[in-house]
Amino acid sequence: MSDDAYVVSELTAGELDGSAEELAALLVETVHAGASVGFLAPLAPEEAAAWWRALGPDVAAGRLVLWTARTRVGGRLAGTVQLRPATTANGRHRGEVAKLMVHPADRGQRLAGRLLAALEARAVALGIRLLVLDTETGSPAERLYEGAGWSRVGSVPDFAADPAGTLRPTTIFFKSPTDRAAVTDRAAVTG
């Protein structure tokens, strides 16, 4: 599929509620495939949907910004990502990237890069000058972030359990969304 085969858009709290079942299915599939995104397997679809719905107040209040990627034809959910702007007085210049997920059928279509680009553009609009994230060390996501121009801070051992419950290290990354060279390079990101 080409880039124009997908639409990346920011979700409102109402749209989040209406998309909770689809987002839950993507989360369940992601967890069952072994991705460390904060949940243990097996993850019940009802639990995943309740988790997504619980994010509604944060989206409505601007404490969480959420994007989806959907197929242009049919509107099937293909991916998602989240931005959590910091709320402390001394940290309002930064935000955390979380839950970047792309459906297995849509990988290799540069969707992860498009989702990150949308997030980074919105971060700039919000005055966020520093983005941080963590991802399982050695995972495909780690390679994705490196390829997208994120800078590695280091690795923390036994940071989080993978979906099977085994403690794994995580790698911390940061990036300035206002770095013009990074903006130019975003088009080359694959996902």
C-alpha atoms as a PDB file:
ATOM      1  CA  MET A   1       0.000   0.000   0.000  1.00  0.00           C
ATOM      2  CA  SER A   2       1.115   3.554  -0.584  1.00  0.00           C
ATOM      3  CA  ASP A   3       1.246   6.394   1.942  1.00  0.00           C
ATOM      4  CA  ASP A   4      -2.069   7.721   0.646  1.00  0.00           C
ATOM      5  CA  ALA A   5      -3.719   4.395   1.492  1.00  0.00           C
ATOM      6  CA  TYR A   6      -3.852   5.482   5.161  1.00  0.00           C
ATOM      7  CA  VAL A   7      -5.255   8.417   7.075  1.00  0.00           C
ATOM      8  CA  VAL A   8      -3.573   9.492  10.329  1.00  0.00           C
ATOM      9  CA  SER A   9      -5.787  11.564  12.600  1.00  0.00           C
ATOM     10  CA  GLU A  10      -5.983  12.785  16.175  1.00  0.00           C
ATOM     11  CA  LEU A  11      -8.863  11.348  18.193  1.00  0.00           C
ATOM     12  CA  THR A  12     -11.250  13.260  20.416  1.00  0.00           C
ATOM     13  CA  ALA A  13     -12.500  11.698  23.650  1.00  0.00           C
ATOM     14  CA  GLY A  14     -15.786  10.829  21.935  1.00  0.00           C
ATOM     15  CA  GLU A  15     -14.011   9.208  19.012  1.00  0.00           C
ATOM     16  CA  LEU A  16     -11.863   7.271  21.473  1.00  0.00           C
ATOM     17  CA  ASP A  17     -14.946   5.835  23.133  1.00  0.00           C
ATOM     18  CA  GLY A  18     -16.369   4.862  19.750  1.00  0.00           C
ATOM     19  CA  SER A  19     -13.064   3.243  18.724  1.00  0.00           C
ATOM     20  CA  ALA A  20     -12.374   1.432  22.003  1.00  0.00           C
ATOM     21  CA  GLU A  21     -13.264  -2.031  20.701  1.00  0.00           C
ATOM     22  CA  GLU A  22     -11.019  -1.673  17.631  1.00  0.00           C
ATOM     23  CA  LEU A  23      -8.174  -0.247  19.718  1.00  0.00           C
ATOM     24  CA  ALA A  24      -8.652  -3.101  22.180  1.00  0.00           C
ATOM     25  CA  ALA A  25      -8.345  -5.677  19.396  1.00  0.00           C
ATOM     26  CA  LEU A  26      -5.085  -4.043  18.229  1.00  0.00           C
ATOM     27  CA  LEU A  27      -3.754  -3.970  21.801  1.00  0.00           C
ATOM     28  CA  VAL A  28      -4.673  -7.616  22.417  1.00  0.00           C
ATOM     29  CA  GLU A  29      -3.006  -8.693  19.176  1.00  0.00           C
ATOM     30  CA  THR A  30       0.093  -6.624  19.965  1.00  0.00           C
ATOM     31  CA  VAL A  31       0.422  -8.110  23.460  1.00  0.00           C
ATOM     32  CA  HIS A  32      -0.204 -11.670  22.264  1.00  0.00           C
ATOM     33  CA  ALA A  33       2.507 -11.157  19.609  1.00  0.00           C
ATOM     34  CA  GLY A  34       4.967 -10.446  22.428  1.00  0.00           C
ATOM     35  CA  ALA A  35       5.276  -6.654  22.408  1.00  0.00           C
ATOM     36  CA  SER A  36       5.955  -5.092  25.781  1.00  0.00           C
ATOM     37  CA  VAL A  37       3.374  -2.304  25.962  1.00  0.00           C
ATOM     38  CA  GLY A  38       2.424  -2.549  29.626  1.00  0.00           C
ATOM     39  CA  PHE A  39       0.200  -5.633  29.685  1.00  0.00           C
ATOM     40  CA  LEU A  40       0.612  -9.341  30.383  1.00  0.00           C
ATOM     41  CA  ALA A  41      -0.764 -12.116  28.188  1.00  0.00           C
ATOM     42  CA  PRO A  42      -3.356 -13.343  27.897  1.00  0.00           C
ATOM     43  CA  LEU A  43      -5.076  -9.957  27.739  1.00  0.00           C
ATOM     44  CA  ALA A  44      -8.857 -10.172  27.608  1.00  0.00           C
ATOM     45  CA  PRO A  45     -10.536  -7.969  24.990  1.00  0.00           C
ATOM     46  CA  GLU A  46     -12.920  -6.587  27.644  1.00  0.00           C
ATOM     47  CA  GLU A  47      -9.985  -5.548  29.852  1.00  0.00           C
ATOM     48  CA  ALA A  48      -8.256  -3.900  26.888  1.00  0.00           C
ATOM     49  CA  ALA A  49     -11.428  -2.019  25.869  1.00  0.00           C
ATOM     50  CA  ALA A  50     -11.970  -0.824  29.452  1.00  0.00           C
ATOM     51  CA  TRP A  51      -8.368   0.426  29.551  1.00  0.00           C
ATOM     52  CA  TRP A  52      -8.875   2.442  26.354  1.00  0.00           C
ATOM     53  CA  ARG A  53     -12.183   3.891  27.561  1.00  0.00           C
ATOM     54  CA  ALA A  54     -10.574   4.935  30.855  1.00  0.00           C
ATOM     55  CA  LEU A  55      -8.259   7.239  28.849  1.00  0.00           C
ATOM     56  CA  GLY A  56     -11.211   9.400  27.752  1.00  0.00           C
ATOM     57  CA  PRO A  57     -10.994  11.960  30.589  1.00  0.00           C
ATOM     58  CA  ASP A  58      -7.266  12.462  29.959  1.00  0.00           C
ATOM     59  CA  VAL A  59      -7.898  12.975  26.227  1.00  0.00           C
ATOM     60  CA  ALA A  60     -10.737  15.414  26.962  1.00  0.00           C
ATOM     61  CA  ALA A  61      -8.522  17.375  29.397  1.00  0.00           C
ATOM     62  CA  GLY A  62      -5.489  17.467  27.058  1.00  0.00           C
ATOM     63  CA  ARG A  63      -3.363  15.304  29.360  1.00  0.00           C
ATOM     64  CA  LEU A  64      -3.172  12.719  26.573  1.00  0.00           C
ATOM     65  CA  VAL A  65      -3.146  13.153  22.802  1.00  0.00           C
ATOM     66  CA  LEU A  66      -3.967  10.069  20.759  1.00  0.00           C
ATOM     67  CA  TRP A  67      -3.694   9.305  17.037  1.00  0.00           C
ATOM     68  CA  THR A  68      -4.895   6.472  14.875  1.00  0.00           C
ATOM     69  CA  ALA A  69      -3.954   5.374  11.401  1.00  0.00           C
ATOM     70  CA  ARG A  70      -6.781   3.894   9.361  1.00  0.00           C
ATOM     71  CA  THR A  71      -7.001   2.522   5.868  1.00  0.00           C
ATOM     72  CA  ARG A  72      -8.446   5.136   3.523  1.00  0.00           C
ATOM     73  CA  VAL A  73     -10.703   2.483   1.986  1.00  0.00           C
ATOM     74  CA  GLY A  74     -12.854   0.818   4.619  1.00  0.00           C
ATOM     75  CA  GLY A  75     -11.458   2.725   7.601  1.00  0.00           C
ATOM     76  CA  ARG A  76      -9.848  -0.316   9.224  1.00  0.00           C
ATOM     77  CA  LEU A  77      -7.654   0.533  12.230  1.00  0.00           C
ATOM     78  CA  ALA A  78      -4.002   0.047  11.270  1.00  0.00           C
ATOM     79  CA  GLY A  79      -2.083   1.732  14.097  1.00  0.00           C
ATOM     80  CA  THR A  80      -1.992   4.139  17.019  1.00  0.00           C
ATOM     81  CA  VAL A  81       0.346   6.246  19.176  1.00  0.00           C
ATOM     82  CA  GLN A  82       0.006   8.464  22.256  1.00  0.00           C
ATOM     83  CA  LEU A  83       1.612  11.633  23.588  1.00  0.00           C
ATOM     84  CA  ARG A  84       1.494  12.493  27.284  1.00  0.00           C
ATOM     85  CA  PRO A  85       2.541  16.119  27.804  1.00  0.00           C
ATOM     86  CA  ALA A  86       4.243  16.620  31.183  1.00  0.00           C
ATOM     87  CA  THR A  87       2.104  18.534  33.661  1.00  0.00           C
ATOM     88  CA  THR A  88       4.655  19.618  36.252  1.00  0.00           C
ATOM     89  CA  ALA A  89       5.589  23.306  36.287  1.00  0.00           C
ATOM     90  CA  ASN A  90       9.235  22.559  35.518  1.00  0.00           C
ATOM     91  CA  GLY A  91       8.510  19.951  32.840  1.00  0.00           C
ATOM     92  CA  ARG A  92       5.903  21.460  30.554  1.00  0.00           C
ATOM     93  CA  HIS A  93       8.477  21.586  27.765  1.00  0.00           C
ATOM     94  CA  ARG A  94       8.536  17.788  27.485  1.00  0.00           C
ATOM     95  CA  GLY A  95       6.237  14.901  26.667  1.00  0.00           C
ATOM     96  CA  GLU A  96       6.277  11.130  26.723  1.00  0.00           C
ATOM     97  CA  VAL A  97       5.563   8.947  23.699  1.00  0.00           C
ATOM     98  CA  ALA A  98       3.658   5.742  24.466  1.00  0.00           C
ATOM     99  CA  LYS A  99       1.855   2.792  22.929  1.00  0.00           C
ATOM    100  CA  LEU A 100       3.070   3.009  19.347  1.00  0.00           C
ATOM    101  CA  MET A 101       1.401   0.004  17.709  1.00  0.00           C
ATOM    102  CA  VAL A 102       0.992  -0.991  14.066  1.00  0.00           C
ATOM    103  CA  HIS A 103      -1.191  -3.911  13.033  1.00  0.00           C
ATOM    104  CA  PRO A 104       0.937  -6.787  11.654  1.00  0.00           C
ATOM    105  CA  ALA A 105      -0.896  -6.631   8.308  1.00  0.00           C
ATOM    106  CA  ASP A 106       0.161  -2.994   7.924  1.00  0.00           C
ATOM    107  CA  ARG A 107       3.807  -3.188   8.938  1.00  0.00           C
ATOM    108  CA  GLY A 108       6.332  -2.155   6.328  1.00  0.00           C
ATOM    109  CA  GLN A 109       4.080   0.684   5.118  1.00  0.00           C
ATOM    110  CA  ARG A 110       5.890   3.450   7.070  1.00  0.00           C
ATOM    111  CA  LEU A 111       2.892   3.877   9.362  1.00  0.00           C
ATOM    112  CA  ALA A 112       4.987   4.035  12.536  1.00  0.00           C
ATOM    113  CA  GLY A 113       6.926   6.894  10.977  1.00  0.00           C
ATOM    114  CA  ARG A 114       3.743   8.690   9.934  1.00  0.00           C
ATOM    115  CA  LEU A 115       2.262   8.309  13.407  1.00  0.00           C
ATOM    116  CA  LEU A 116       5.463   9.620  14.987  1.00  0.00           C
ATOM    117  CA  ALA A 117       5.574  12.542  12.532  1.00  0.00           C
ATOM    118  CA  ALA A 118       1.990  13.529  13.459  1.00  0.00           C
ATOM    119  CA  LEU A 119       2.878  13.289  17.136  1.00  0.00           C
ATOM    120  CA  GLU A 120       6.048  15.348  16.708  1.00  0.00           C
ATOM    121  CA  ALA A 121       4.228  18.068  14.742  1.00  0.00           C
ATOM    122  CA  ARG A 122       1.569  18.334  17.450  1.00  0.00           C
ATOM    123  CA  ALA A 123       4.269  18.374  20.135  1.00  0.00           C
ATOM    124  CA  VAL A 124       5.847  21.396  18.445  1.00  0.00           C
ATOM    125  CA  ALA A 125       2.430  23.102  18.310  1.00  0.00           C
ATOM    126  CA  LEU A 126       2.033  22.458  22.051  1.00  0.00           C
ATOM    127  CA  GLY A 127       5.444  23.989  22.787  1.00  0.00           C
ATOM    128  CA  ILE A 128       6.993  20.636  23.627  1.00  0.00           C
ATOM    129  CA  ARG A 129      10.710  20.728  22.878  1.00  0.00           C
ATOM    130  CA  LEU A 130      11.726  17.349  24.303  1.00  0.00           C
ATOM    131  CA  LEU A 131      10.171  13.937  23.771  1.00  0.00           C
ATOM    132  CA  VAL A 132      11.103  10.819  25.747  1.00  0.00           C
ATOM    133  CA  LEU A 133      10.111   7.183  25.496  1.00  0.00           C
ATOM    134  CA  ASP A 134      11.164   3.759  26.625  1.00  0.00           C
ATOM    135  CA  THR A 135      11.025   0.488  24.741  1.00  0.00           C
ATOM    136  CA  GLU A 136      12.163  -3.067  25.340  1.00  0.00           C
ATOM    137  CA  THR A 137      15.878  -3.415  24.661  1.00  0.00           C
ATOM    138  CA  GLY A 138      16.541  -5.522  21.574  1.00  0.00           C
ATOM    139  CA  SER A 139      12.993  -5.244  20.257  1.00  0.00           C
ATOM    140  CA  PRO A 140      12.061  -4.223  16.711  1.00  0.00           C
ATOM    141  CA  ALA A 141      10.708  -0.980  18.219  1.00  0.00           C
ATOM    142  CA  GLU A 142      14.179  -0.117  19.480  1.00  0.00           C
ATOM    143  CA  ARG A 143      15.530  -0.334  15.930  1.00  0.00           C
ATOM    144  CA  LEU A 144      12.598   1.727  14.649  1.00  0.00           C
ATOM    145  CA  TYR A 145      13.340   4.600  17.045  1.00  0.00           C
ATOM    146  CA  GLU A 146      17.051   4.518  16.265  1.00  0.00           C
ATOM    147  CA  GLY A 147      16.230   4.722  12.560  1.00  0.00           C
ATOM    148  CA  ALA A 148      13.849   7.622  13.204  1.00  0.00           C
ATOM    149  CA  GLY A 149      16.610   9.740  14.720  1.00  0.00           C
ATOM    150  CA  TRP A 150      15.924   9.182  18.397  1.00  0.00           C
ATOM    151  CA  SER A 151      18.953   9.352  20.725  1.00  0.00           C
ATOM    152  CA  ARG A 152      19.623   6.500  23.104  1.00  0.00           C
ATOM    153  CA  VAL A 153      20.131   7.493  26.748  1.00  0.00           C
ATOM    154  CA  GLY A 154      20.851   4.032  28.087  1.00  0.00           C
ATOM    155  CA  SER A 155      19.355   0.774  29.237  1.00  0.00           C
ATOM    156  CA  VAL A 156      17.738  -0.115  32.563  1.00  0.00           C
ATOM    157  CA  PRO A 157      17.829  -3.815  33.552  1.00  0.00           C
ATOM    158  CA  ASP A 158      14.651  -5.616  34.637  1.00  0.00           C
ATOM    159  CA  PHE A 159      12.553  -2.519  33.929  1.00  0.00           C
ATOM    160  CA  ALA A 160       9.297  -4.219  32.934  1.00  0.00           C
ATOM    161  CA  ALA A 161       7.844  -7.659  32.422  1.00  0.00           C
ATOM    162  CA  ASP A 162       7.197  -8.752  28.863  1.00  0.00           C
ATOM    163  CA  PRO A 163       3.760 -10.223  28.068  1.00  0.00           C
ATOM    164  CA  ALA A 164       4.955 -13.632  29.317  1.00  0.00           C
ATOM    165  CA  GLY A 165       5.947 -12.109  32.677  1.00  0.00           C
ATOM    166  CA  THR A 166       9.731 -12.229  32.198  1.00  0.00           C
ATOM    167  CA  LEU A 167      11.579  -9.124  33.373  1.00  0.00           C
ATOM    168  CA  ARG A 168      13.342  -7.397  30.482  1.00  0.00           C
ATOM    169  CA  PRO A 169      15.604  -4.369  30.133  1.00  0.00           C
ATOM    170  CA  THR A 170      14.316  -1.188  28.566  1.00  0.00           C
ATOM    171  CA  THR A 171      16.109   1.434  26.525  1.00  0.00           C
ATOM    172  CA  ILE A 172      15.353   5.100  27.145  1.00  0.00           C
ATOM    173  CA  PHE A 173      15.328   7.445  24.128  1.00  0.00           C
ATOM    174  CA  PHE A 174      14.876  11.183  23.629  1.00  0.00           C
ATOM    175  CA  LYS A 175      14.337  13.499  20.694  1.00  0.00           C
ATOM    176  CA  SER A 176      13.721  17.158  20.018  1.00  0.00           C
ATOM    177  CA  PRO A 177      10.709  17.448  17.698  1.00  0.00           C
ATOM    178  CA  THR A 178      11.936  20.893  16.647  1.00  0.00           C
ATOM    179  CA  ASP A 179      15.169  19.512  15.173  1.00  0.00           C
ATOM    180  CA  ARG A 180      14.730  20.448  11.496  1.00  0.00           C
ATOM    181  CA  ALA A 181      17.123  17.724  10.313  1.00  0.00           C
ATOM    182  CA  ALA A 182      14.986  15.157  12.116  1.00  0.00           C
ATOM    183  CA  VAL A 183      11.854  16.538  10.465  1.00  0.00           C
ATOM    184  CA  THR A 184      13.450  16.057   7.044  1.00  0.00           C
ATOM    185  CA  ASP A 185      14.528  12.515   7.905  1.00  0.00           C
ATOM    186  CA  ARG A 186      11.061  11.417   9.111  1.00  0.00           C
ATOM    187  CA  ALA A 187       9.965  10.530   5.596  1.00  0.00           C
ATOM    188  CA  ALA A 188      12.544   7.734   5.551  1.00  0.00           C
ATOM    189  CA  VAL A 189      11.174   6.009   8.657  1.00  0.00           C
ATOM    190  CA  THR A 190       9.685   2.587   8.048  1.00  0.00           C
ATOM    191  CA  GLY A 191       7.267   0.782  10.281  1.00  0.00           C
END
